[in-house]
Amino acid sequence: MTPFWKYSALGNTFVVLPASRPARARRLAWVARLCSERTGIGADGAVLVHAASRGLAIYNADGSRASLSGNGARCAAAWWFETRSLRVSQVRWQTDAGRILCRQRGRQVEVRIPPPAFESAAIPARTREPEVWRQTLILGHRLGRVRVCALSVGNPQCVVWGRPHPRNWREVGQALESHTLFPGKTNVVFVRKQGDTLDLRIWERGVGETDSSGTGAAAAAVVGVRLGRSPRRIQARMPGGAMDVHWLAGDEITLTCPVKPVAAGTWRGTGAP
């Protein structure tokens, strides 16, 4: 039996579980059962925390491993702040995408993630072009063509900028997630500018539609800046709520939003850490 804590960052939910040793598996079948609403707790992902090393192993709802999740790291930080015997207000995590810093800001949690990478090899994208920037992809007769900008913000992101969102954005997101251009699949973000904010819809790799995404919001903001359509500091609005995004001059990105506890208990499924 393993204790668990479930948190929500603007409707993007993660189950946090302490791990006795660093997790190395690239896929964990029991995580898919844990995240299922039928066989487990129900969540968009799970985060295994190795306290001694401050190591995070982040998993999508289908049991596949994610290099980074801004909301996953944020939920793990909320758990850390809540359960430490001594009051702490910041923690530096080690993730598959490198070290990231989380800080408590009143009722919100800020996560600072590494600089974006635009090189095709860094995403990764299967192309001879140096970057996937304003590239038109063919999705078939029914879905037609779509213009995308791809980058990595610790995980692969495919951004579709337009107004309005496509009515069939879920189908387009699913098609882009597994497009042959992306050998490791990709997250997909649909963005439109509304006044001083960005309006987003998220299709997450290994999860599907989600109410919010920290790295998705980061990717949307970075693409907006690079296209000359938004400032380096902006608010990203998603179905789950608003997140403050700031692409710093040093190229790191800060993401700030509330995190709320949802549930706590004991997981009795097999294979847990």
Foldseek 3Di string as FASTA:
>chain_A
DWKWFWKQFLQQIEIETEDCDDDDDQFDQVLLLQQDPVRHDNGQWYWYAHPVQLEIFIAGNRRGTAQDFQVNVQQVVVVVQVPDPDHDFKDWHQGSLGIKIWGHDPQKIKIKFAFKAFACVVQPFPDPDRGQAQDWDQLDDVVGIFTWGWIDRSHIEIEGEDPPQPPVNQVVQVSQQPPNRDPVGHKYWYWYDDPQAIEIWTQGRNRGTGQDTQVNVQVVLVSCVVVVNHDQWGWYAGNSGIWTWHQDPVRIIMIMGGMGIDDIDGDPDPDDD
